[in-house]
PDB file of N, CA and C in Angstrom:
ATOM      1  N   MET A   1     -35.742  -0.917 -25.820  1.00  0.00           N
ATOM      2  CA  MET A   1     -35.011   0.330 -25.835  1.00  0.00           C
ATOM      3  C   MET A   1     -34.724   0.827 -24.421  1.00  0.00           C
ATOM      4  N   GLU A   2     -35.678   0.643 -23.524  1.00  0.00           N
ATOM      5  CA  GLU A   2     -35.484   1.054 -22.129  1.00  0.00           C
ATOM      6  C   GLU A   2     -34.330   0.276 -21.495  1.00  0.00           C
ATOM      7  N   LEU A   3     -34.224  -0.988 -21.849  1.00  0.00           N
ATOM      8  CA  LEU A   3     -33.143  -1.812 -21.305  1.00  0.00           C
ATOM      9  C   LEU A   3     -31.787  -1.257 -21.729  1.00  0.00           C
ATOM     10  N   LEU A   4     -31.661  -0.825 -22.967  1.00  0.00           N
ATOM     11  CA  LEU A   4     -30.401  -0.259 -23.437  1.00  0.00           C
ATOM     12  C   LEU A   4     -30.076   1.039 -22.716  1.00  0.00           C
ATOM     13  N   LYS A   5     -31.068   1.837 -22.401  1.00  0.00           N
ATOM     14  CA  LYS A   5     -30.840   3.076 -21.664  1.00  0.00           C
ATOM     15  C   LYS A   5     -30.362   2.778 -20.246  1.00  0.00           C
ATOM     16  N   LYS A   6     -30.893   1.734 -19.636  1.00  0.00           N
ATOM     17  CA  LYS A   6     -30.486   1.373 -18.276  1.00  0.00           C
ATOM     18  C   LYS A   6     -29.064   0.818 -18.254  1.00  0.00           C
ATOM     19  N   LEU A   7     -28.671   0.113 -19.302  1.00  0.00           N
ATOM     20  CA  LEU A   7     -27.347  -0.500 -19.352  1.00  0.00           C
ATOM     21  C   LEU A   7     -26.267   0.478 -19.780  1.00  0.00           C
ATOM     22  N   HIS A   8     -26.651   1.618 -20.303  1.00  0.00           N
ATOM     23  CA  HIS A   8     -25.682   2.614 -20.758  1.00  0.00           C
ATOM     24  C   HIS A   8     -24.942   3.198 -19.554  1.00  0.00           C
ATOM     25  N   LEU A   9     -23.621   3.170 -19.597  1.00  0.00           N
ATOM     26  CA  LEU A   9     -22.805   3.691 -18.508  1.00  0.00           C
ATOM     27  C   LEU A   9     -22.208   5.029 -18.909  1.00  0.00           C
ATOM     28  N   LYS A  10     -22.015   5.861 -17.938  1.00  0.00           N
ATOM     29  CA  LYS A  10     -21.392   7.152 -18.196  1.00  0.00           C
ATOM     30  C   LYS A  10     -19.917   6.938 -18.538  1.00  0.00           C
ATOM     31  N   PRO A  11     -19.324   7.823 -19.341  1.00  0.00           N
ATOM     32  CA  PRO A  11     -17.915   7.649 -19.742  1.00  0.00           C
ATOM     33  C   PRO A  11     -16.933   7.590 -18.573  1.00  0.00           C
ATOM     34  N   GLY A  12     -17.149   8.336 -17.508  1.00  0.00           N
ATOM     35  CA  GLY A  12     -16.222   8.348 -16.383  1.00  0.00           C
ATOM     36  C   GLY A  12     -16.583   7.380 -15.284  1.00  0.00           C
ATOM     37  N   TYR A  13     -17.479   6.444 -15.559  1.00  0.00           N
ATOM     38  CA  TYR A  13     -17.974   5.539 -14.518  1.00  0.00           C
ATOM     39  C   TYR A  13     -16.860   4.684 -13.927  1.00  0.00           C
ATOM     40  N   PHE A  14     -15.978   4.161 -14.765  1.00  0.00           N
ATOM     41  CA  PHE A  14     -14.936   3.260 -14.279  1.00  0.00           C
ATOM     42  C   PHE A  14     -13.694   4.010 -13.809  1.00  0.00           C
ATOM     43  N   ALA A  15     -13.645   5.307 -13.960  1.00  0.00           N
ATOM     44  CA  ALA A  15     -12.470   6.080 -13.565  1.00  0.00           C
ATOM     45  C   ALA A  15     -12.249   6.017 -12.061  1.00  0.00           C
ATOM     46  N   ARG A  16     -13.328   5.998 -11.282  1.00  0.00           N
ATOM     47  CA  ARG A  16     -13.163   5.923  -9.827  1.00  0.00           C
ATOM     48  C   ARG A  16     -12.542   4.601  -9.408  1.00  0.00           C
ATOM     49  N   GLY A  17     -12.965   3.514 -10.021  1.00  0.00           N
ATOM     50  CA  GLY A  17     -12.384   2.213  -9.709  1.00  0.00           C
ATOM     51  C   GLY A  17     -10.927   2.132 -10.108  1.00  0.00           C
ATOM     52  N   GLN A  18     -10.596   2.744 -11.221  1.00  0.00           N
ATOM     53  CA  GLN A  18      -9.208   2.749 -11.673  1.00  0.00           C
ATOM     54  C   GLN A  18      -8.341   3.551 -10.713  1.00  0.00           C
ATOM     55  N   THR A  19      -8.827   4.682 -10.243  1.00  0.00           N
ATOM     56  CA  THR A  19      -8.075   5.498  -9.300  1.00  0.00           C
ATOM     57  C   THR A  19      -7.865   4.743  -8.001  1.00  0.00           C
ATOM     58  N   LEU A  20      -8.891   4.059  -7.529  1.00  0.00           N
ATOM     59  CA  LEU A  20      -8.777   3.279  -6.305  1.00  0.00           C
ATOM     60  C   LEU A  20      -7.731   2.183  -6.467  1.00  0.00           C
ATOM     61  N   ALA A  21      -7.735   1.526  -7.608  1.00  0.00           N
ATOM     62  CA  ALA A  21      -6.752   0.471  -7.853  1.00  0.00           C
ATOM     63  C   ALA A  21      -5.336   1.038  -7.863  1.00  0.00           C
ATOM     64  N   GLU A  22      -5.170   2.223  -8.422  1.00  0.00           N
ATOM     65  CA  GLU A  22      -3.843   2.844  -8.436  1.00  0.00           C
ATOM     66  C   GLU A  22      -3.383   3.177  -7.024  1.00  0.00           C
ATOM     67  N   TYR A  23      -4.284   3.687  -6.193  1.00  0.00           N
ATOM     68  CA  TYR A  23      -3.926   3.986  -4.805  1.00  0.00           C
ATOM     69  C   TYR A  23      -3.566   2.710  -4.046  1.00  0.00           C
ATOM     70  N   VAL A  24      -4.272   1.639  -4.299  1.00  0.00           N
ATOM     71  CA  VAL A  24      -3.965   0.360  -3.638  1.00  0.00           C
ATOM     72  C   VAL A  24      -2.580  -0.113  -4.043  1.00  0.00           C
ATOM     73  N   LEU A  25      -2.239   0.028  -5.315  1.00  0.00           N
ATOM     74  CA  LEU A  25      -0.906  -0.386  -5.768  1.00  0.00           C
ATOM     75  C   LEU A  25       0.188   0.473  -5.146  1.00  0.00           C
ATOM     76  N   ILE A  26      -0.063   1.764  -5.002  1.00  0.00           N
ATOM     77  CA  ILE A  26       0.923   2.643  -4.380  1.00  0.00           C
ATOM     78  C   ILE A  26       1.124   2.266  -2.915  1.00  0.00           C
ATOM     79  N   VAL A  27       0.029   2.025  -2.194  1.00  0.00           N
ATOM     80  CA  VAL A  27       0.127   1.642  -0.782  1.00  0.00           C
ATOM     81  C   VAL A  27       0.828   0.296  -0.642  1.00  0.00           C
ATOM     82  N   ALA A  28       0.547  -0.635  -1.540  1.00  0.00           N
ATOM     83  CA  ALA A  28       1.210  -1.941  -1.494  1.00  0.00           C
ATOM     84  C   ALA A  28       2.712  -1.784  -1.751  1.00  0.00           C
ATOM     85  N   ALA A  29       3.089  -0.924  -2.681  1.00  0.00           N
ATOM     86  CA  ALA A  29       4.511  -0.703  -2.958  1.00  0.00           C
ATOM     87  C   ALA A  29       5.204  -0.083  -1.755  1.00  0.00           C
ATOM     88  N   ILE A  30       4.552   0.861  -1.094  1.00  0.00           N
ATOM     89  CA  ILE A  30       5.124   1.472   0.111  1.00  0.00           C
ATOM     90  C   ILE A  30       5.282   0.432   1.209  1.00  0.00           C
ATOM     91  N   ALA A  31       4.297  -0.451   1.351  1.00  0.00           N
ATOM     92  CA  ALA A  31       4.378  -1.497   2.370  1.00  0.00           C
ATOM     93  C   ALA A  31       5.537  -2.451   2.096  1.00  0.00           C
ATOM     94  N   VAL A  32       5.752  -2.796   0.837  1.00  0.00           N
ATOM     95  CA  VAL A  32       6.859  -3.693   0.481  1.00  0.00           C
ATOM     96  C   VAL A  32       8.197  -3.027   0.790  1.00  0.00           C
ATOM     97  N   VAL A  33       8.334  -1.747   0.467  1.00  0.00           N
ATOM     98  CA  VAL A  33       9.579  -1.029   0.742  1.00  0.00           C
ATOM     99  C   VAL A  33       9.821  -0.944   2.249  1.00  0.00           C
ATOM    100  N   CYS A  34       8.774  -0.649   3.021  1.00  0.00           N
ATOM    101  CA  CYS A  34       8.920  -0.587   4.488  1.00  0.00           C
ATOM    102  C   CYS A  34       9.313  -1.938   5.059  1.00  0.00           C
ATOM    103  N   PHE A  35       8.684  -3.000   4.572  1.00  0.00           N
ATOM    104  CA  PHE A  35       9.006  -4.335   5.057  1.00  0.00           C
ATOM    105  C   PHE A  35      10.443  -4.715   4.717  1.00  0.00           C
ATOM    106  N   ALA A  36      10.864  -4.400   3.497  1.00  0.00           N
ATOM    107  CA  ALA A  36      12.248  -4.710   3.094  1.00  0.00           C
ATOM    108  C   ALA A  36      13.235  -3.904   3.932  1.00  0.00           C
ATOM    109  N   GLY A  37      12.922  -2.646   4.191  1.00  0.00           N
ATOM    110  CA  GLY A  37      13.792  -1.833   5.032  1.00  0.00           C
ATOM    111  C   GLY A  37      13.868  -2.353   6.447  1.00  0.00           C
ATOM    112  N   TYR A  38      12.745  -2.797   6.972  1.00  0.00           N
ATOM    113  CA  TYR A  38      12.737  -3.353   8.324  1.00  0.00           C
ATOM    114  C   TYR A  38      13.546  -4.646   8.379  1.00  0.00           C
ATOM    115  N   GLN A  39      13.395  -5.484   7.359  1.00  0.00           N
ATOM    116  CA  GLN A  39      14.153  -6.734   7.328  1.00  0.00           C
ATOM    117  C   GLN A  39      15.656  -6.465   7.234  1.00  0.00           C
ATOM    118  N   ALA A  40      16.017  -5.436   6.499  1.00  0.00           N
ATOM    119  CA  ALA A  40      17.441  -5.130   6.321  1.00  0.00           C
ATOM    120  C   ALA A  40      18.055  -4.535   7.581  1.00  0.00           C
ATOM    121  N   THR A  41      17.305  -3.732   8.311  1.00  0.00           N
ATOM    122  CA  THR A  41      17.868  -3.055   9.478  1.00  0.00           C
ATOM    123  C   THR A  41      17.303  -3.566  10.794  1.00  0.00           C
ATOM    124  N   GLY A  42      16.387  -4.491  10.748  1.00  0.00           N
ATOM    125  CA  GLY A  42      15.733  -4.971  11.965  1.00  0.00           C
ATOM    126  C   GLY A  42      16.696  -5.558  12.976  1.00  0.00           C
ATOM    127  N   THR A  43      17.630  -6.375  12.532  1.00  0.00           N
ATOM    128  CA  THR A  43      18.570  -6.995  13.468  1.00  0.00           C
ATOM    129  C   THR A  43      19.530  -5.950  14.032  1.00  0.00           C
ATOM    130  N   ASN A  44      19.916  -4.986  13.222  1.00  0.00           N
ATOM    131  CA  ASN A  44      20.815  -3.932  13.712  1.00  0.00           C
ATOM    132  C   ASN A  44      20.129  -3.081  14.772  1.00  0.00           C
ATOM    133  N   VAL A  45      18.881  -2.746  14.549  1.00  0.00           N
ATOM    134  CA  VAL A  45      18.133  -1.946  15.518  1.00  0.00           C
ATOM    135  C   VAL A  45      17.928  -2.747  16.810  1.00  0.00           C
ATOM    136  N   SER A  46      17.618  -4.019  16.673  1.00  0.00           N
ATOM    137  CA  SER A  46      17.426  -4.872  17.845  1.00  0.00           C
ATOM    138  C   SER A  46      18.706  -4.982  18.656  1.00  0.00           C
ATOM    139  N   THR A  47      19.837  -5.140  17.985  1.00  0.00           N
ATOM    140  CA  THR A  47      21.124  -5.203  18.669  1.00  0.00           C
ATOM    141  C   THR A  47      21.443  -3.881  19.357  1.00  0.00           C
ATOM    142  N   LEU A  48      21.164  -2.789  18.691  1.00  0.00           N
ATOM    143  CA  LEU A  48      21.406  -1.462  19.262  1.00  0.00           C
ATOM    144  C   LEU A  48      20.564  -1.243  20.527  1.00  0.00           C
ATOM    145  N   VAL A  49      19.291  -1.612  20.462  1.00  0.00           N
ATOM    146  CA  VAL A  49      18.413  -1.458  21.623  1.00  0.00           C
ATOM    147  C   VAL A  49      18.881  -2.341  22.772  1.00  0.00           C
ATOM    148  N   SER A  50      19.311  -3.545  22.465  1.00  0.00           N
ATOM    149  CA  SER A  50      19.801  -4.454  23.508  1.00  0.00           C
ATOM    150  C   SER A  50      21.057  -3.904  24.169  1.00  0.00           C
ATOM    151  N   SER A  51      21.955  -3.347  23.365  1.00  0.00           N
ATOM    152  CA  SER A  51      23.190  -2.828  23.955  1.00  0.00           C
ATOM    153  C   SER A  51      22.908  -1.586  24.812  1.00  0.00           C
ATOM    154  N   VAL A  52      21.981  -0.752  24.404  1.00  0.00           N
ATOM    155  CA  VAL A  52      21.611   0.410  25.202  1.00  0.00           C
ATOM    156  C   VAL A  52      20.963  -0.047  26.515  1.00  0.00           C
ATOM    157  N   ASP A  53      20.112  -1.067  26.417  1.00  0.00           N
ATOM    158  CA  ASP A  53      19.464  -1.609  27.607  1.00  0.00           C
ATOM    159  C   ASP A  53      20.490  -2.194  28.568  1.00  0.00           C
ATOM    160  N   THR A  54      21.485  -2.870  28.050  1.00  0.00           N
ATOM    161  CA  THR A  54      22.527  -3.452  28.888  1.00  0.00           C
ATOM    162  C   THR A  54      23.347  -2.365  29.574  1.00  0.00           C
ATOM    163  N   GLN A  55      23.647  -1.303  28.859  1.00  0.00           N
ATOM    164  CA  GLN A  55      24.446  -0.219  29.428  1.00  0.00           C
ATOM    165  C   GLN A  55      23.681   0.551  30.494  1.00  0.00           C
ATOM    166  N   LEU A  56      22.356   0.597  30.381  1.00  0.00           N
ATOM    167  CA  LEU A  56      21.574   1.298  31.399  1.00  0.00           C
ATOM    168  C   LEU A  56      21.491   0.442  32.631  1.00  0.00           C
TER     169      LEU A  56
END
């Protein structure tokens, strides 16, 4: 009986892990969007910086 009491988990025990997983997914989605945005505009920004550098 003592073993069953030790193995009993509180109802909200896994809620913290679930919340952490949700935050990780949100951060991963933000990272993917930032990376895609950088890939889409990276060459344009690099060209712009080079042309400004040349003009200076």
